[in-house]
C-alpha atoms as a PDB file:
ATOM      1  CA  UNK A   1      14.591  -8.689   8.963  1.00  0.00           C
ATOM      2  CA  UNK A   2      15.207 -12.418   9.133  1.00  0.00           C
ATOM      3  CA  UNK A   3      11.857 -12.619  10.944  1.00  0.00           C
ATOM      4  CA  UNK A   4       9.966 -11.408   8.161  1.00  0.00           C
ATOM      5  CA  UNK A   5      11.198 -14.302   5.869  1.00  0.00           C
ATOM      6  CA  UNK A   6      10.177 -16.863   8.583  1.00  0.00           C
ATOM      7  CA  UNK A   7       6.821 -15.638   9.283  1.00  0.00           C
ATOM      8  CA  UNK A   8       4.323 -18.367   7.797  1.00  0.00           C
ATOM      9  CA  UNK A   9       1.293 -15.902   7.969  1.00  0.00           C
ATOM     10  CA  UNK A  10       3.320 -13.384   5.425  1.00  0.00           C
ATOM     11  CA  UNK A  11       4.023 -16.496   3.116  1.00  0.00           C
ATOM     12  CA  UNK A  12       0.643 -17.627   3.067  1.00  0.00           C
ATOM     13  CA  UNK A  13      -0.625 -14.117   2.105  1.00  0.00           C
ATOM     14  CA  UNK A  14       1.999 -13.831  -0.660  1.00  0.00           C
ATOM     15  CA  UNK A  15       0.968 -17.413  -2.166  1.00  0.00           C
ATOM     16  CA  UNK A  16      -2.661 -16.442  -1.910  1.00  0.00           C
ATOM     17  CA  UNK A  17      -2.089 -13.254  -3.831  1.00  0.00           C
ATOM     18  CA  UNK A  18       0.033 -14.975  -6.403  1.00  0.00           C
ATOM     19  CA  UNK A  19      -2.621 -17.858  -6.764  1.00  0.00           C
ATOM     20  CA  UNK A  20      -5.373 -14.977  -7.232  1.00  0.00           C
ATOM     21  CA  UNK A  21      -3.071 -13.434  -9.944  1.00  0.00           C
ATOM     22  CA  UNK A  22      -2.229 -16.536 -11.664  1.00  0.00           C
ATOM     23  CA  UNK A  23      -5.821 -18.064 -11.456  1.00  0.00           C
ATOM     24  CA  UNK A  24      -7.416 -14.928 -13.053  1.00  0.00           C
ATOM     25  CA  UNK A  25      -4.880 -15.262 -15.955  1.00  0.00           C
ATOM     26  CA  UNK A  26      -5.719 -19.024 -16.532  1.00  0.00           C
ATOM     27  CA  UNK A  27      -9.409 -18.443 -16.286  1.00  0.00           C
ATOM     28  CA  UNK A  28      -9.460 -15.684 -18.626  1.00  0.00           C
ATOM     29  CA  UNK A  29      -7.281 -17.291 -21.196  1.00  0.00           C
ATOM     30  CA  UNK A  30      -8.798 -18.360 -24.599  1.00  0.00           C
ATOM     31  CA  UNK A  31      -7.735 -21.976 -24.484  1.00  0.00           C
ATOM     32  CA  UNK A  32      -9.538 -22.372 -20.956  1.00  0.00           C
ATOM     33  CA  UNK A  33     -12.629 -21.041 -22.698  1.00  0.00           C
ATOM     34  CA  UNK A  34     -12.137 -23.627 -25.406  1.00  0.00           C
ATOM     35  CA  UNK A  35     -11.581 -26.424 -23.379  1.00  0.00           C
ATOM     36  CA  UNK A  36     -14.804 -25.417 -21.123  1.00  0.00           C
ATOM     37  CA  UNK A  37     -16.922 -25.168 -24.316  1.00  0.00           C
ATOM     38  CA  UNK A  38     -15.695 -28.542 -25.643  1.00  0.00           C
ATOM     39  CA  UNK A  39     -16.146 -30.123 -22.221  1.00  0.00           C
ATOM     40  CA  UNK A  40     -19.749 -28.911 -22.177  1.00  0.00           C
ATOM     41  CA  UNK A  41     -20.352 -29.850 -25.675  1.00  0.00           C
ATOM     42  CA  UNK A  42     -19.137 -33.503 -24.678  1.00  0.00           C
ATOM     43  CA  UNK A  43     -21.410 -33.659 -21.816  1.00  0.00           C
ATOM     44  CA  UNK A  44     -24.447 -32.544 -23.634  1.00  0.00           C
ATOM     45  CA  UNK A  45     -23.717 -35.186 -26.254  1.00  0.00           C
ATOM     46  CA  UNK A  46     -23.272 -37.585 -23.674  1.00  0.00           C
ATOM     47  CA  UNK A  47     -26.655 -36.725 -21.980  1.00  0.00           C
ATOM     48  CA  UNK A  48     -28.424 -36.800 -25.180  1.00  0.00           C
ATOM     49  CA  UNK A  49     -26.989 -40.201 -26.265  1.00  0.00           C
ATOM     50  CA  UNK A  50     -27.839 -41.910 -22.965  1.00  0.00           C
ATOM     51  CA  UNK A  51     -31.436 -40.453 -23.221  1.00  0.00           C
ATOM     52  CA  UNK A  52     -31.620 -41.893 -26.628  1.00  0.00           C
ATOM     53  CA  UNK A  53     -30.193 -45.334 -25.511  1.00  0.00           C
ATOM     54  CA  UNK A  54     -32.744 -45.305 -22.436  1.00  0.00           C
ATOM     55  CA  UNK A  55     -35.797 -44.623 -24.947  1.00  0.00           C
ATOM     56  CA  UNK A  56     -34.683 -47.478 -27.218  1.00  0.00           C
ATOM     57  CA  UNK A  57     -34.327 -49.834 -24.267  1.00  0.00           C
ATOM     58  CA  UNK A  58     -37.735 -48.666 -22.988  1.00  0.00           C
ATOM     59  CA  UNK A  59     -39.249 -49.268 -26.540  1.00  0.00           C
ATOM     60  CA  UNK A  60     -37.833 -52.719 -26.714  1.00  0.00           C
ATOM     61  CA  UNK A  61     -38.933 -53.637 -23.335  1.00  0.00           C
ATOM     62  CA  UNK A  62     -42.536 -52.352 -24.351  1.00  0.00           C
ATOM     63  CA  UNK A  63     -42.317 -54.599 -27.627  1.00  0.00           C
ATOM     64  CA  UNK A  64     -41.407 -57.648 -25.567  1.00  0.00           C
ATOM     65  CA  UNK A  65     -44.030 -57.292 -23.107  1.00  0.00           C
ATOM     66  CA  UNK A  66     -46.574 -56.727 -25.847  1.00  0.00           C
ATOM     67  CA  UNK A  67     -45.304 -59.883 -27.843  1.00  0.00           C
ATOM     68  CA  UNK A  68     -45.391 -61.993 -24.426  1.00  0.00           C
ATOM     69  CA  UNK A  69     -48.976 -60.861 -23.725  1.00  0.00           C
ATOM     70  CA  UNK A  70     -50.021 -61.722 -27.399  1.00  0.00           C
ATOM     71  CA  UNK A  71     -48.496 -64.988 -27.193  1.00  0.00           C
ATOM     72  CA  UNK A  72     -50.057 -65.804 -23.852  1.00  0.00           C
ATOM     73  CA  UNK A  73     -53.447 -64.493 -25.431  1.00  0.00           C
ATOM     74  CA  UNK A  74     -52.910 -66.872 -28.346  1.00  0.00           C
ATOM     75  CA  UNK A  75     -52.162 -69.865 -26.030  1.00  0.00           C
ATOM     76  CA  UNK A  76     -55.065 -69.395 -24.068  1.00  0.00           C
ATOM     77  CA  UNK A  77     -57.404 -69.111 -27.207  1.00  0.00           C
ATOM     78  CA  UNK A  78     -55.905 -72.391 -28.589  1.00  0.00           C
ATOM     79  CA  UNK A  79     -56.523 -74.174 -25.284  1.00  0.00           C
ATOM     80  CA  UNK A  80     -60.326 -73.492 -25.521  1.00  0.00           C
END
């Protein structure tokens, strides 16, 4: 009987079964669902904010480039 309690494979199987049971209860809980939905919403907002910031930087860079070309063109016209 003592050999059963010393068997590592048995304890691994018991721990695995307990992990599955506890994991299922955790994954099916309402709190886990709320956390997952909240995390997904925050991730989507972060993505949207990053895209907006990138588009703003791109627009500003295009404006700066246009202004620089315009100033260079004006400088060339005044030299003539």
